[in-house]
Amino acid sequence: MASQPLTILPVTGLPEVRPGDDLAALLATAVAAHGPALADGDVVVVAQKVVSKAEDARVPLASVEPSPFARAWAARWEREPRQVEIVLREARRIVRMERGLIIAETRHGFVCANAGVDLSNTGPEPVAILLPEDPDRSARRLRQGIADRLGRDVAVIVADTFGRPWRSGLVQVALGVAGLTPIIDFKGVPDADGRVMKSTEVCVADQLACAAELACGKTEGVPIAIVRGYAGPRGEGSGRELLRDPELDLFR
C-alpha cells in the first residue's frame, strides 16, 4: 500500500442521539446542512456511545440492585455500586480486579476496563451505557443506511476508547468494522532492506479510529468523522478479526 495523504473531516451538527434514532438519517441531515459531502471510498468512524444510544444499549441505574459483593467492592474503592454490578453482569470473564479497577472480558471477546460500561456523557438520566450487542452488525447497518440514503459506498468503523497494557493514556480502537480489511498482513513481504517480514500485521482499523478521534476531540460532542484518502484493502471486514486467538495470548 503506497503512502497517500489523508483528510479527516468531523461531522458537526448532530443532535443528541436517542433510542430508536436512525444514525444514517441523522448523518445524512447533518452533512446536508453543514457538510462535508460523503464520497465513495470514505471511511466513516462513529463513536460507540452514539451507536449504543440509538440501539438502546442502556441500563437505568435505578433498575439495578447491587449484590453484596458489588456493594463491598464499591465501598472499598469509592465506586458506584450499581455500576460495579452492571460490569459484573456484562463480564464473561474477570481478568483482574485491583485498586478499584475491573478489567474484564466482554461477551464479544474484548478485554477492557469495566467491560465497556460507561456512565459519562449519558444525558440527564442516570443510566449506564453498554457496548453494542453486535458492533459488526451495527457497522453493517450504518454502511447500508448510508448507501440507501446518500448513494455512497463507504466503509464504517464503530470505535471506542480503550486503555493499553504497558502504555499510559487512552486511544481509540475499532469494535465493529464493515467495508474494509481491518488488518493488513505483511508477513512474507520484503522490507525496505529486502528482509522478509515474518510477523508484521498492522491494525489499520484502529489507526483509522485514532485518526478520526483527533478531529472529533473527546469533549466537543462530535461523534462521527470521515477519513478520506485511505487506499487500503476493502472487502467485508469484521471487528472480530482483531481479537487475538486465546491460544496465542501469552498473558491469559
C-alpha atoms as a PDB file:
ATOM      1  CA  MET A   1       0.000   0.000   0.000  1.00  0.00           C
ATOM      2  CA  ALA A   2       1.612   3.239  -1.162  1.00  0.00           C
ATOM      3  CA  SER A   3       1.813   6.324   1.035  1.00  0.00           C
ATOM      4  CA  GLN A   4      -1.007   8.774   0.460  1.00  0.00           C
ATOM      5  CA  PRO A   5      -2.366  11.909   2.141  1.00  0.00           C
ATOM      6  CA  LEU A   6      -5.375  11.526   4.413  1.00  0.00           C
ATOM      7  CA  THR A   7      -8.014  14.121   5.197  1.00  0.00           C
ATOM      8  CA  ILE A   8     -10.049  13.857   8.397  1.00  0.00           C
ATOM      9  CA  LEU A   9     -13.383  15.679   8.392  1.00  0.00           C
ATOM     10  CA  PRO A  10     -15.504  15.960  11.565  1.00  0.00           C
ATOM     11  CA  VAL A  11     -19.269  15.767  11.077  1.00  0.00           C
ATOM     12  CA  THR A  12     -20.877  18.560  13.099  1.00  0.00           C
ATOM     13  CA  GLY A  13     -24.485  19.438  13.798  1.00  0.00           C
ATOM     14  CA  LEU A  14     -25.613  16.032  15.004  1.00  0.00           C
ATOM     15  CA  PRO A  15     -28.341  16.174  17.671  1.00  0.00           C
ATOM     16  CA  GLU A  16     -28.338  14.228  20.917  1.00  0.00           C
ATOM     17  CA  VAL A  17     -28.884  10.624  19.867  1.00  0.00           C
ATOM     18  CA  ARG A  18     -31.829   8.853  21.471  1.00  0.00           C
ATOM     19  CA  PRO A  19     -33.046   5.246  21.474  1.00  0.00           C
ATOM     20  CA  GLY A  20     -34.533   4.266  18.152  1.00  0.00           C
ATOM     21  CA  ASP A  21     -32.820   7.023  16.166  1.00  0.00           C
ATOM     22  CA  ASP A  22     -31.673   6.236  12.635  1.00  0.00           C
ATOM     23  CA  LEU A  23     -27.976   7.148  12.627  1.00  0.00           C
ATOM     24  CA  ALA A  24     -27.777   7.097   8.840  1.00  0.00           C
ATOM     25  CA  ALA A  25     -30.659   9.582   8.661  1.00  0.00           C
ATOM     26  CA  LEU A  26     -29.055  11.835  11.272  1.00  0.00           C
ATOM     27  CA  LEU A  27     -25.752  11.699   9.403  1.00  0.00           C
ATOM     28  CA  ALA A  28     -27.424  12.490   6.084  1.00  0.00           C
ATOM     29  CA  THR A  29     -29.196  15.514   7.602  1.00  0.00           C
ATOM     30  CA  ALA A  30     -26.010  16.771   9.256  1.00  0.00           C
ATOM     31  CA  VAL A  31     -23.837  16.572   6.151  1.00  0.00           C
ATOM     32  CA  ALA A  32     -26.561  18.196   4.036  1.00  0.00           C
ATOM     33  CA  ALA A  33     -26.724  21.122   6.449  1.00  0.00           C
ATOM     34  CA  HIS A  34     -23.084  21.513   7.427  1.00  0.00           C
ATOM     35  CA  GLY A  35     -21.002  19.293   5.123  1.00  0.00           C
ATOM     36  CA  PRO A  36     -18.780  17.624   4.217  1.00  0.00           C
ATOM     37  CA  ALA A  37     -20.493  15.649   1.474  1.00  0.00           C
ATOM     38  CA  LEU A  38     -19.649  11.954   1.580  1.00  0.00           C
ATOM     39  CA  ALA A  39     -17.666  10.406  -1.267  1.00  0.00           C
ATOM     40  CA  ASP A  40     -17.248   6.818  -2.395  1.00  0.00           C
ATOM     41  CA  GLY A  41     -14.316   5.229  -0.591  1.00  0.00           C
ATOM     42  CA  ASP A  42     -14.621   7.353   2.556  1.00  0.00           C
ATOM     43  CA  VAL A  43     -14.240   5.689   5.941  1.00  0.00           C
ATOM     44  CA  VAL A  44     -16.925   6.787   8.399  1.00  0.00           C
ATOM     45  CA  VAL A  45     -15.801   6.420  12.013  1.00  0.00           C
ATOM     46  CA  VAL A  46     -18.608   6.618  14.561  1.00  0.00           C
ATOM     47  CA  ALA A  47     -18.298   6.635  18.336  1.00  0.00           C
ATOM     48  CA  GLN A  48     -19.631   3.533  20.033  1.00  0.00           C
ATOM     49  CA  LYS A  49     -21.610   5.597  22.515  1.00  0.00           C
ATOM     50  CA  VAL A  50     -23.992   7.068  19.939  1.00  0.00           C
ATOM     51  CA  VAL A  51     -24.448   3.620  18.397  1.00  0.00           C
ATOM     52  CA  SER A  52     -25.307   2.219  21.825  1.00  0.00           C
ATOM     53  CA  LYS A  53     -27.724   5.062  22.494  1.00  0.00           C
ATOM     54  CA  ALA A  54     -29.505   4.553  19.169  1.00  0.00           C
ATOM     55  CA  GLU A  55     -29.752   0.812  19.855  1.00  0.00           C
ATOM     56  CA  ASP A  56     -30.915   1.442  23.438  1.00  0.00           C
ATOM     57  CA  ALA A  57     -27.993  -0.465  24.914  1.00  0.00           C
ATOM     58  CA  ARG A  58     -28.570   1.222  28.244  1.00  0.00           C
ATOM     59  CA  VAL A  59     -29.385   0.246  31.808  1.00  0.00           C
ATOM     60  CA  PRO A  60     -31.126   2.753  34.114  1.00  0.00           C
ATOM     61  CA  LEU A  61     -29.211   2.747  37.378  1.00  0.00           C
ATOM     62  CA  ALA A  62     -32.497   2.860  39.299  1.00  0.00           C
ATOM     63  CA  SER A  63     -33.307  -0.617  37.964  1.00  0.00           C
ATOM     64  CA  VAL A  64     -30.150  -2.218  39.363  1.00  0.00           C
ATOM     65  CA  GLU A  65     -29.921  -3.919  42.762  1.00  0.00           C
ATOM     66  CA  PRO A  66     -26.221  -4.439  43.556  1.00  0.00           C
ATOM     67  CA  SER A  67     -25.146  -7.751  45.022  1.00  0.00           C
ATOM     68  CA  PRO A  68     -23.398  -7.813  48.408  1.00  0.00           C
ATOM     69  CA  PHE A  69     -20.124  -8.441  46.591  1.00  0.00           C
ATOM     70  CA  ALA A  70     -20.632  -5.402  44.336  1.00  0.00           C
ATOM     71  CA  ARG A  71     -21.537  -3.245  47.328  1.00  0.00           C
ATOM     72  CA  ALA A  72     -18.468  -4.339  49.273  1.00  0.00           C
ATOM     73  CA  TRP A  73     -16.123  -3.784  46.320  1.00  0.00           C
ATOM     74  CA  ALA A  74     -17.640  -0.373  45.579  1.00  0.00           C
ATOM     75  CA  ALA A  75     -17.449   0.736  49.211  1.00  0.00           C
ATOM     76  CA  ARG A  76     -13.810  -0.311  49.476  1.00  0.00           C
ATOM     77  CA  TRP A  77     -12.768   1.680  46.435  1.00  0.00           C
ATOM     78  CA  GLU A  78     -15.367   4.502  46.480  1.00  0.00           C
ATOM     79  CA  ARG A  79     -17.098   3.360  43.314  1.00  0.00           C
ATOM     80  CA  GLU A  80     -20.733   3.414  42.214  1.00  0.00           C
ATOM     81  CA  PRO A  81     -22.108   0.024  43.400  1.00  0.00           C
ATOM     82  CA  ARG A  82     -24.726  -0.161  40.666  1.00  0.00           C
ATOM     83  CA  GLN A  83     -22.079   0.338  38.003  1.00  0.00           C
ATOM     84  CA  VAL A  84     -19.955  -2.386  39.587  1.00  0.00           C
ATOM     85  CA  GLU A  85     -22.952  -4.733  39.478  1.00  0.00           C
ATOM     86  CA  ILE A  86     -23.573  -3.976  35.791  1.00  0.00           C
ATOM     87  CA  VAL A  87     -19.902  -4.565  34.987  1.00  0.00           C
ATOM     88  CA  LEU A  88     -20.015  -7.951  36.686  1.00  0.00           C
ATOM     89  CA  ARG A  89     -23.149  -8.865  34.725  1.00  0.00           C
ATOM     90  CA  GLU A  90     -21.603  -7.776  31.421  1.00  0.00           C
ATOM     91  CA  ALA A  91     -18.332  -9.638  32.004  1.00  0.00           C
ATOM     92  CA  ARG A  92     -17.755 -13.058  30.523  1.00  0.00           C
ATOM     93  CA  ARG A  93     -14.501 -13.283  32.437  1.00  0.00           C
ATOM     94  CA  ILE A  94     -12.868 -11.111  35.092  1.00  0.00           C
ATOM     95  CA  VAL A  95      -9.240 -10.610  34.138  1.00  0.00           C
ATOM     96  CA  ARG A  96      -8.209  -8.504  37.134  1.00  0.00           C
ATOM     97  CA  MET A  97      -9.812  -6.595  39.992  1.00  0.00           C
ATOM     98  CA  GLU A  98      -7.321  -4.380  41.745  1.00  0.00           C
ATOM     99  CA  ARG A  99      -7.143  -0.848  43.222  1.00  0.00           C
ATOM    100  CA  GLY A 100     -10.677  -0.042  42.178  1.00  0.00           C
ATOM    101  CA  LEU A 101     -10.205  -1.155  38.592  1.00  0.00           C
ATOM    102  CA  ILE A 102     -12.034  -4.023  36.928  1.00  0.00           C
ATOM    103  CA  ILE A 103     -10.508  -5.411  33.754  1.00  0.00           C
ATOM    104  CA  ALA A 104     -12.957  -7.786  32.150  1.00  0.00           C
ATOM    105  CA  GLU A 105     -13.514  -9.766  29.007  1.00  0.00           C
ATOM    106  CA  THR A 106     -16.886  -8.959  27.482  1.00  0.00           C
ATOM    107  CA  ARG A 107     -19.173 -11.461  25.790  1.00  0.00           C
ATOM    108  CA  HIS A 108     -17.826 -10.065  22.492  1.00  0.00           C
ATOM    109  CA  GLY A 109     -14.268 -11.040  23.463  1.00  0.00           C
ATOM    110  CA  PHE A 110     -12.991  -7.512  24.139  1.00  0.00           C
ATOM    111  CA  VAL A 111     -10.719  -7.132  27.159  1.00  0.00           C
ATOM    112  CA  CYS A 112     -11.210  -3.666  28.603  1.00  0.00           C
ATOM    113  CA  ALA A 113     -11.878  -1.613  31.707  1.00  0.00           C
ATOM    114  CA  ASN A 114     -15.318  -2.064  33.280  1.00  0.00           C
ATOM    115  CA  ALA A 115     -16.457  -4.394  30.472  1.00  0.00           C
ATOM    116  CA  GLY A 116     -17.097  -1.263  28.426  1.00  0.00           C
ATOM    117  CA  VAL A 117     -19.778   0.023  30.825  1.00  0.00           C
ATOM    118  CA  ASP A 118     -19.747   3.829  30.859  1.00  0.00           C
ATOM    119  CA  LEU A 119     -21.510   6.448  32.987  1.00  0.00           C
ATOM    120  CA  SER A 120     -20.105   9.549  31.278  1.00  0.00           C
ATOM    121  CA  ASN A 121     -21.897  11.686  28.683  1.00  0.00           C
ATOM    122  CA  THR A 122     -25.108   9.721  29.060  1.00  0.00           C
ATOM    123  CA  GLY A 123     -27.513  12.653  29.263  1.00  0.00           C
ATOM    124  CA  PRO A 124     -29.553  13.866  32.240  1.00  0.00           C
ATOM    125  CA  GLU A 125     -30.964  10.437  33.111  1.00  0.00           C
ATOM    126  CA  PRO A 126     -28.700   8.325  35.366  1.00  0.00           C
ATOM    127  CA  VAL A 127     -28.030   5.388  33.074  1.00  0.00           C
ATOM    128  CA  ALA A 128     -25.118   3.147  32.189  1.00  0.00           C
ATOM    129  CA  ILE A 129     -24.227   2.816  28.515  1.00  0.00           C
ATOM    130  CA  LEU A 130     -23.268  -0.687  27.394  1.00  0.00           C
ATOM    131  CA  LEU A 131     -21.357  -1.793  24.323  1.00  0.00           C
ATOM    132  CA  PRO A 132     -23.495  -2.607  21.265  1.00  0.00           C
ATOM    133  CA  GLU A 133     -24.758  -6.167  21.223  1.00  0.00           C
ATOM    134  CA  ASP A 134     -23.010  -6.807  17.881  1.00  0.00           C
ATOM    135  CA  PRO A 135     -20.670  -3.964  16.778  1.00  0.00           C
ATOM    136  CA  ASP A 136     -20.055  -5.545  13.357  1.00  0.00           C
ATOM    137  CA  ARG A 137     -23.787  -5.684  12.722  1.00  0.00           C
ATOM    138  CA  SER A 138     -24.071  -2.058  13.819  1.00  0.00           C
ATOM    139  CA  ALA A 139     -21.348  -1.080  11.343  1.00  0.00           C
ATOM    140  CA  ARG A 140     -23.017  -3.011   8.530  1.00  0.00           C
ATOM    141  CA  ARG A 141     -26.384  -1.396   9.224  1.00  0.00           C
ATOM    142  CA  LEU A 142     -24.924   2.097   9.158  1.00  0.00           C
ATOM    143  CA  ARG A 143     -22.988   1.344   5.990  1.00  0.00           C
ATOM    144  CA  GLN A 144     -26.143   0.089   4.274  1.00  0.00           C
ATOM    145  CA  GLY A 145     -28.124   3.049   5.573  1.00  0.00           C
ATOM    146  CA  ILE A 146     -25.590   5.463   4.083  1.00  0.00           C
ATOM    147  CA  ALA A 147     -25.764   3.623   0.764  1.00  0.00           C
ATOM    148  CA  ASP A 148     -29.566   3.759   0.790  1.00  0.00           C
ATOM    149  CA  ARG A 149     -29.854   7.428   1.772  1.00  0.00           C
ATOM    150  CA  LEU A 150     -26.820   9.003   0.139  1.00  0.00           C
ATOM    151  CA  GLY A 151     -25.877   6.524  -2.557  1.00  0.00           C
ATOM    152  CA  ARG A 152     -22.292   6.319  -1.329  1.00  0.00           C
ATOM    153  CA  ASP A 153     -20.118   3.236  -0.957  1.00  0.00           C
ATOM    154  CA  VAL A 154     -18.217   3.827   2.274  1.00  0.00           C
ATOM    155  CA  ALA A 155     -16.577   1.779   4.992  1.00  0.00           C
ATOM    156  CA  VAL A 156     -17.741   2.117   8.593  1.00  0.00           C
ATOM    157  CA  ILE A 157     -15.873   1.681  11.867  1.00  0.00           C
ATOM    158  CA  VAL A 158     -17.584   1.659  15.263  1.00  0.00           C
ATOM    159  CA  ALA A 159     -14.896   2.879  17.659  1.00  0.00           C
ATOM    160  CA  ASP A 160     -14.444   3.094  21.415  1.00  0.00           C
ATOM    161  CA  THR A 161     -11.822   4.326  23.857  1.00  0.00           C
ATOM    162  CA  PHE A 162      -9.585   1.685  25.401  1.00  0.00           C
ATOM    163  CA  GLY A 163      -6.525   1.744  27.602  1.00  0.00           C
ATOM    164  CA  ARG A 164      -3.469  -0.316  26.725  1.00  0.00           C
ATOM    165  CA  PRO A 165      -1.186  -2.551  28.774  1.00  0.00           C
ATOM    166  CA  TRP A 166       2.280  -1.087  29.351  1.00  0.00           C
ATOM    167  CA  ARG A 167       1.281   2.340  27.952  1.00  0.00           C
ATOM    168  CA  SER A 168      -0.299   5.346  29.643  1.00  0.00           C
ATOM    169  CA  GLY A 169      -3.180   7.151  28.032  1.00  0.00           C
ATOM    170  CA  LEU A 170      -6.249   6.101  26.081  1.00  0.00           C
ATOM    171  CA  VAL A 171      -6.650   5.512  22.363  1.00  0.00           C
ATOM    172  CA  GLN A 172      -9.496   4.630  20.032  1.00  0.00           C
ATOM    173  CA  VAL A 173      -9.952   1.066  18.860  1.00  0.00           C
ATOM    174  CA  ALA A 174     -12.277  -0.483  16.312  1.00  0.00           C
ATOM    175  CA  LEU A 175     -15.052  -2.618  17.794  1.00  0.00           C
ATOM    176  CA  GLY A 176     -17.099  -3.088  14.638  1.00  0.00           C
ATOM    177  CA  VAL A 177     -15.946  -2.929  11.026  1.00  0.00           C
ATOM    178  CA  ALA A 178     -17.762  -3.033   7.697  1.00  0.00           C
ATOM    179  CA  GLY A 179     -16.407  -2.437   4.226  1.00  0.00           C
ATOM    180  CA  LEU A 180     -12.657  -2.664   4.780  1.00  0.00           C
ATOM    181  CA  THR A 181      -9.967  -5.138   5.760  1.00  0.00           C
ATOM    182  CA  PRO A 182      -9.122  -4.267   9.394  1.00  0.00           C
ATOM    183  CA  ILE A 183      -5.648  -5.832   9.425  1.00  0.00           C
ATOM    184  CA  ILE A 184      -3.017  -5.693   6.701  1.00  0.00           C
ATOM    185  CA  ASP A 185      -0.738  -8.727   6.839  1.00  0.00           C
ATOM    186  CA  PHE A 186       2.843  -8.034   5.768  1.00  0.00           C
ATOM    187  CA  LYS A 187       4.177 -11.487   6.568  1.00  0.00           C
ATOM    188  CA  GLY A 188       6.273 -12.689   3.639  1.00  0.00           C
ATOM    189  CA  VAL A 189       6.694  -9.170   2.258  1.00  0.00           C
ATOM    190  CA  PRO A 190      10.247  -7.747   1.931  1.00  0.00           C
ATOM    191  CA  ASP A 191      11.003  -4.654   3.999  1.00  0.00           C
ATOM    192  CA  ALA A 192      12.881  -1.623   2.637  1.00  0.00           C
ATOM    193  CA  ASP A 193      16.156  -3.531   3.012  1.00  0.00           C
ATOM    194  CA  GLY A 194      14.867  -6.671   1.332  1.00  0.00           C
ATOM    195  CA  ARG A 195      14.438  -8.679   4.529  1.00  0.00           C
ATOM    196  CA  VAL A 196      11.257 -10.734   4.533  1.00  0.00           C
ATOM    197  CA  MET A 197       8.926  -9.792   7.380  1.00  0.00           C
ATOM    198  CA  LYS A 198       7.750 -12.784   9.407  1.00  0.00           C
ATOM    199  CA  SER A 199       5.234 -11.457  11.924  1.00  0.00           C
ATOM    200  CA  THR A 200       4.172  -7.918  10.975  1.00  0.00           C
ATOM    201  CA  GLU A 201       0.435  -7.288  10.950  1.00  0.00           C
ATOM    202  CA  VAL A 202      -0.841  -3.695  11.022  1.00  0.00           C
ATOM    203  CA  CYS A 203      -4.233  -2.950  12.551  1.00  0.00           C
ATOM    204  CA  VAL A 204      -5.328  -0.197  10.183  1.00  0.00           C
ATOM    205  CA  ALA A 205      -8.864  -0.167  11.639  1.00  0.00           C
ATOM    206  CA  ASP A 206      -7.507   1.023  14.993  1.00  0.00           C
ATOM    207  CA  GLN A 207      -5.240   3.540  13.266  1.00  0.00           C
ATOM    208  CA  LEU A 208      -8.175   4.990  11.339  1.00  0.00           C
ATOM    209  CA  ALA A 209     -10.225   5.147  14.542  1.00  0.00           C
ATOM    210  CA  CYS A 210      -7.445   7.080  16.284  1.00  0.00           C
ATOM    211  CA  ALA A 211      -7.084   9.467  13.353  1.00  0.00           C
ATOM    212  CA  ALA A 212     -10.792  10.244  13.475  1.00  0.00           C
ATOM    213  CA  GLU A 213     -10.651  10.915  17.218  1.00  0.00           C
ATOM    214  CA  LEU A 214      -8.027  13.602  16.651  1.00  0.00           C
ATOM    215  CA  ALA A 215     -10.540  15.525  14.551  1.00  0.00           C
ATOM    216  CA  CYS A 216     -13.549  14.856  16.791  1.00  0.00           C
ATOM    217  CA  GLY A 217     -11.972  15.547  20.160  1.00  0.00           C
ATOM    218  CA  LYS A 218     -13.050  13.991  23.440  1.00  0.00           C
ATOM    219  CA  THR A 219     -15.320  16.706  24.833  1.00  0.00           C
ATOM    220  CA  GLU A 220     -16.593  18.582  21.782  1.00  0.00           C
ATOM    221  CA  GLY A 221     -19.677  16.423  21.246  1.00  0.00           C
ATOM    222  CA  VAL A 222     -18.665  15.348  17.713  1.00  0.00           C
ATOM    223  CA  PRO A 223     -19.214  11.569  17.493  1.00  0.00           C
ATOM    224  CA  ILE A 224     -18.589  10.990  13.769  1.00  0.00           C
ATOM    225  CA  ALA A 225     -15.690  11.776  11.459  1.00  0.00           C
ATOM    226  CA  ILE A 226     -14.921  10.973   7.838  1.00  0.00           C
ATOM    227  CA  VAL A 227     -11.452   9.753   6.879  1.00  0.00           C
ATOM    228  CA  ARG A 228     -10.811  10.468   3.208  1.00  0.00           C
ATOM    229  CA  GLY A 229      -7.964   9.167   1.082  1.00  0.00           C
ATOM    230  CA  TYR A 230      -7.418   5.791   2.709  1.00  0.00           C
ATOM    231  CA  ALA A 231      -6.392   3.428  -0.088  1.00  0.00           C
ATOM    232  CA  GLY A 232      -6.022   0.181   1.822  1.00  0.00           C
ATOM    233  CA  PRO A 233      -7.770  -3.106   1.076  1.00  0.00           C
ATOM    234  CA  ARG A 234     -11.558  -3.152   1.192  1.00  0.00           C
ATOM    235  CA  GLY A 235     -13.865  -6.143   1.432  1.00  0.00           C
ATOM    236  CA  GLU A 236     -16.412  -7.072   4.074  1.00  0.00           C
ATOM    237  CA  GLY A 237     -14.164  -6.967   7.141  1.00  0.00           C
ATOM    238  CA  SER A 238     -15.059  -7.641  10.776  1.00  0.00           C
ATOM    239  CA  GLY A 239     -14.016  -6.369  14.159  1.00  0.00           C
ATOM    240  CA  ARG A 240     -13.806  -9.964  15.317  1.00  0.00           C
ATOM    241  CA  GLU A 241     -10.683 -10.328  13.212  1.00  0.00           C
ATOM    242  CA  LEU A 242      -8.962  -8.070  15.744  1.00  0.00           C
ATOM    243  CA  LEU A 243      -9.459 -10.454  18.676  1.00  0.00           C
ATOM    244  CA  ARG A 244      -6.336 -12.412  19.470  1.00  0.00           C
ATOM    245  CA  ASP A 245      -6.743 -16.171  19.469  1.00  0.00           C
ATOM    246  CA  PRO A 246      -6.625 -17.348  23.123  1.00  0.00           C
ATOM    247  CA  GLU A 247      -4.011 -19.931  22.147  1.00  0.00           C
ATOM    248  CA  LEU A 248      -1.726 -17.077  21.065  1.00  0.00           C
ATOM    249  CA  ASP A 249      -2.396 -14.891  24.114  1.00  0.00           C
ATOM    250  CA  LEU A 250       0.738 -15.116  26.256  1.00  0.00           C
ATOM    251  CA  PHE A 251      -0.937 -13.279  29.138  1.00  0.00           C
ATOM    252  CA  ARG A 252      -4.098 -15.350  29.508  1.00  0.00           C
END
